[in-house]
Amino acid sequence: MLSYKARKRWSLVVLLVGLPAYIVAAVSLVNWIDRPSFWIELLVYVGLGFIWIIPLKRLFLGVGQADPDERQD
């Protein structure tokens, strides 16, 4: 299990590096299938938008909260 600080750092790396790379890959995939109709294209983008969340959900849980290991004064 990753510590709070490690999860926070990794989530920042994923958002700044991984997500733009995933967006480029998704757009390339849609362009590779020769511009389908609007509804199919929308369905592909929405599906790919949910797919990237599934493996990374546990990484982002609680990152916006206060550090649970930090000592309260």
N, C-alpha and C. Protein backbone atom coordinates (compact mmCIF):
# COMPACT_ATOMS: atom_id res chain seq x y z
N MET A 1 0.84 -1.19 0.00
CA MET A 1 0.00 0.00 0.00
C MET A 1 0.88 1.24 0.00
N LEU A 2 0.55 2.20 -0.82
CA LEU A 2 1.32 3.43 -0.91
C LEU A 2 0.96 4.38 0.22
N SER A 3 1.94 5.14 0.66
CA SER A 3 1.67 6.15 1.68
C SER A 3 0.88 7.30 1.04
N TYR A 4 0.36 8.17 1.88
CA TYR A 4 -0.43 9.30 1.39
C TYR A 4 0.41 10.19 0.47
N LYS A 5 1.65 10.49 0.90
CA LYS A 5 2.51 11.36 0.09
C LYS A 5 2.87 10.71 -1.24
N ALA A 6 3.10 9.41 -1.24
CA ALA A 6 3.42 8.71 -2.48
C ALA A 6 2.22 8.72 -3.42
N ARG A 7 1.04 8.47 -2.88
CA ARG A 7 -0.17 8.52 -3.72
C ARG A 7 -0.38 9.90 -4.30
N LYS A 8 -0.12 10.93 -3.51
CA LYS A 8 -0.29 12.30 -3.99
C LYS A 8 0.69 12.60 -5.12
N ARG A 9 1.94 12.16 -4.95
CA ARG A 9 2.95 12.39 -5.99
C ARG A 9 2.60 11.61 -7.26
N TRP A 10 2.23 10.34 -7.11
CA TRP A 10 1.89 9.53 -8.28
C TRP A 10 0.65 10.05 -8.99
N SER A 11 -0.31 10.54 -8.24
CA SER A 11 -1.52 11.08 -8.88
C SER A 11 -1.18 12.33 -9.69
N LEU A 12 -0.24 13.13 -9.21
CA LEU A 12 0.20 14.31 -9.96
C LEU A 12 0.92 13.89 -11.24
N VAL A 13 1.76 12.87 -11.16
CA VAL A 13 2.45 12.36 -12.35
C VAL A 13 1.44 11.83 -13.37
N VAL A 14 0.46 11.10 -12.89
CA VAL A 14 -0.56 10.55 -13.79
C VAL A 14 -1.33 11.67 -14.48
N LEU A 15 -1.70 12.71 -13.74
CA LEU A 15 -2.47 13.80 -14.33
C LEU A 15 -1.65 14.65 -15.28
N LEU A 16 -0.37 14.85 -15.00
CA LEU A 16 0.45 15.73 -15.83
C LEU A 16 1.10 15.02 -17.01
N VAL A 17 1.38 13.74 -16.88
CA VAL A 17 2.06 13.01 -17.95
C VAL A 17 1.15 11.94 -18.56
N GLY A 18 0.56 11.12 -17.73
CA GLY A 18 -0.22 9.99 -18.21
C GLY A 18 -1.51 10.38 -18.91
N LEU A 19 -2.24 11.31 -18.35
CA LEU A 19 -3.53 11.68 -18.95
C LEU A 19 -3.37 12.34 -20.32
N PRO A 20 -2.43 13.30 -20.50
CA PRO A 20 -2.25 13.83 -21.86
C PRO A 20 -1.82 12.74 -22.87
N ALA A 21 -0.98 11.82 -22.44
CA ALA A 21 -0.58 10.73 -23.33
C ALA A 21 -1.78 9.85 -23.67
N TYR A 22 -2.65 9.60 -22.69
CA TYR A 22 -3.85 8.80 -22.93
C TYR A 22 -4.81 9.52 -23.88
N ILE A 23 -4.91 10.84 -23.76
CA ILE A 23 -5.78 11.62 -24.65
C ILE A 23 -5.27 11.53 -26.08
N VAL A 24 -3.96 11.68 -26.26
CA VAL A 24 -3.37 11.57 -27.60
C VAL A 24 -3.64 10.18 -28.18
N ALA A 25 -3.49 9.16 -27.36
CA ALA A 25 -3.75 7.78 -27.82
C ALA A 25 -5.22 7.60 -28.19
N ALA A 26 -6.13 8.17 -27.41
CA ALA A 26 -7.57 8.03 -27.70
C ALA A 26 -7.93 8.74 -29.00
N VAL A 27 -7.40 9.94 -29.21
CA VAL A 27 -7.68 10.67 -30.45
C VAL A 27 -7.08 9.94 -31.64
N SER A 28 -5.88 9.40 -31.46
CA SER A 28 -5.25 8.63 -32.54
C SER A 28 -6.08 7.39 -32.88
N LEU A 29 -6.62 6.73 -31.86
CA LEU A 29 -7.46 5.55 -32.09
C LEU A 29 -8.70 5.91 -32.89
N VAL A 30 -9.35 7.01 -32.55
CA VAL A 30 -10.57 7.42 -33.27
C VAL A 30 -10.22 7.82 -34.70
N ASN A 31 -9.09 8.50 -34.89
CA ASN A 31 -8.69 8.87 -36.25
C ASN A 31 -8.29 7.64 -37.06
N TRP A 32 -7.77 6.62 -36.40
CA TRP A 32 -7.35 5.39 -37.07
C TRP A 32 -8.55 4.65 -37.66
N ILE A 33 -9.74 4.79 -37.03
CA ILE A 33 -10.92 4.09 -37.55
C ILE A 33 -11.72 4.98 -38.51
N ASP A 34 -11.04 5.92 -39.15
CA ASP A 34 -11.61 6.74 -40.24
C ASP A 34 -12.86 7.54 -39.87
N ARG A 35 -12.77 8.29 -38.79
CA ARG A 35 -13.83 9.25 -38.42
C ARG A 35 -15.23 8.65 -38.53
N PRO A 36 -15.64 7.88 -37.53
CA PRO A 36 -17.00 7.30 -37.57
C PRO A 36 -18.05 8.39 -37.37
N SER A 37 -19.32 7.98 -37.35
CA SER A 37 -20.39 8.96 -37.14
C SER A 37 -20.25 9.61 -35.76
N PHE A 38 -20.92 10.70 -35.59
CA PHE A 38 -20.81 11.48 -34.35
C PHE A 38 -21.14 10.65 -33.12
N TRP A 39 -22.20 9.87 -33.17
CA TRP A 39 -22.64 9.11 -32.00
C TRP A 39 -21.67 7.99 -31.64
N ILE A 40 -21.12 7.34 -32.64
CA ILE A 40 -20.13 6.30 -32.37
C ILE A 40 -18.85 6.92 -31.80
N GLU A 41 -18.45 8.04 -32.37
CA GLU A 41 -17.26 8.74 -31.88
C GLU A 41 -17.46 9.19 -30.43
N LEU A 42 -18.63 9.71 -30.12
CA LEU A 42 -18.94 10.12 -28.75
C LEU A 42 -18.92 8.92 -27.81
N LEU A 43 -19.49 7.82 -28.24
CA LEU A 43 -19.50 6.60 -27.43
C LEU A 43 -18.07 6.09 -27.17
N VAL A 44 -17.22 6.15 -28.17
CA VAL A 44 -15.83 5.71 -28.00
C VAL A 44 -15.11 6.62 -27.00
N TYR A 45 -15.27 7.93 -27.13
CA TYR A 45 -14.61 8.86 -26.21
C TYR A 45 -15.12 8.70 -24.76
N VAL A 46 -16.41 8.53 -24.60
CA VAL A 46 -16.96 8.34 -23.26
C VAL A 46 -16.47 7.02 -22.68
N GLY A 47 -16.47 5.97 -23.48
CA GLY A 47 -15.97 4.67 -23.02
C GLY A 47 -14.51 4.73 -22.63
N LEU A 48 -13.68 5.36 -23.46
CA LEU A 48 -12.27 5.50 -23.13
C LEU A 48 -12.06 6.40 -21.92
N GLY A 49 -12.95 7.36 -21.74
CA GLY A 49 -12.87 8.22 -20.57
C GLY A 49 -13.11 7.47 -19.27
N PHE A 50 -13.98 6.49 -19.30
CA PHE A 50 -14.22 5.68 -18.10
C PHE A 50 -13.16 4.60 -17.91
N ILE A 51 -12.62 4.10 -19.01
CA ILE A 51 -11.65 3.01 -18.91
C ILE A 51 -10.38 3.43 -18.17
N TRP A 52 -9.91 4.67 -18.36
CA TRP A 52 -8.67 5.07 -17.69
C TRP A 52 -8.88 5.23 -16.19
N ILE A 53 -10.10 5.42 -15.76
CA ILE A 53 -10.38 5.61 -14.34
C ILE A 53 -10.27 4.29 -13.57
N ILE A 54 -10.69 3.20 -14.18
CA ILE A 54 -10.80 1.92 -13.47
C ILE A 54 -9.49 1.49 -12.80
N PRO A 55 -8.35 1.44 -13.50
CA PRO A 55 -7.14 0.97 -12.79
C PRO A 55 -6.55 2.01 -11.84
N LEU A 56 -6.91 3.28 -11.99
CA LEU A 56 -6.30 4.34 -11.19
C LEU A 56 -7.19 4.87 -10.07
N LYS A 57 -8.36 4.28 -9.91
CA LYS A 57 -9.31 4.78 -8.93
C LYS A 57 -8.74 4.78 -7.51
N ARG A 58 -8.08 3.70 -7.13
CA ARG A 58 -7.53 3.60 -5.77
C ARG A 58 -6.40 4.59 -5.54
N LEU A 59 -5.69 4.97 -6.60
CA LEU A 59 -4.62 5.95 -6.48
C LEU A 59 -5.16 7.32 -6.10
N PHE A 60 -6.30 7.70 -6.65
CA PHE A 60 -6.85 9.03 -6.43
C PHE A 60 -7.74 9.15 -5.20
N LEU A 61 -8.15 8.04 -4.60
CA LEU A 61 -9.03 8.10 -3.44
C LEU A 61 -8.35 8.78 -2.26
N GLY A 62 -8.96 9.82 -1.74
CA GLY A 62 -8.48 10.49 -0.55
C GLY A 62 -7.33 11.45 -0.75
N VAL A 63 -6.89 11.66 -1.98
CA VAL A 63 -5.76 12.55 -2.23
C VAL A 63 -6.11 14.00 -1.90
N GLY A 64 -7.33 14.39 -2.08
CA GLY A 64 -7.73 15.76 -1.79
C GLY A 64 -7.99 16.04 -0.32
N GLN A 65 -7.96 15.01 0.50
CA GLN A 65 -8.21 15.16 1.94
C GLN A 65 -6.91 15.49 2.67
N ALA A 66 -7.03 15.85 3.91
CA ALA A 66 -5.85 16.10 4.74
C ALA A 66 -5.10 14.80 4.97
N ASP A 67 -3.79 14.90 5.17
CA ASP A 67 -2.95 13.72 5.39
C ASP A 67 -3.38 13.02 6.68
N PRO A 68 -3.82 11.76 6.61
CA PRO A 68 -4.28 11.08 7.81
C PRO A 68 -3.14 10.73 8.77
N ASP A 69 -1.90 10.68 8.26
CA ASP A 69 -0.75 10.34 9.12
C ASP A 69 -0.12 11.58 9.76
N GLU A 70 -0.53 12.76 9.32
CA GLU A 70 0.05 13.99 9.85
C GLU A 70 -0.43 14.24 11.27
N ARG A 71 0.45 14.68 12.11
CA ARG A 71 0.11 14.94 13.50
C ARG A 71 -0.68 16.24 13.62
N GLN A 72 -1.79 16.18 14.32
CA GLN A 72 -2.64 17.36 14.54
C GLN A 72 -2.18 18.08 15.81
N ASP A 73 -1.99 19.40 15.73
CA ASP A 73 -1.61 20.18 16.93
C ASP A 73 -2.80 20.81 17.58
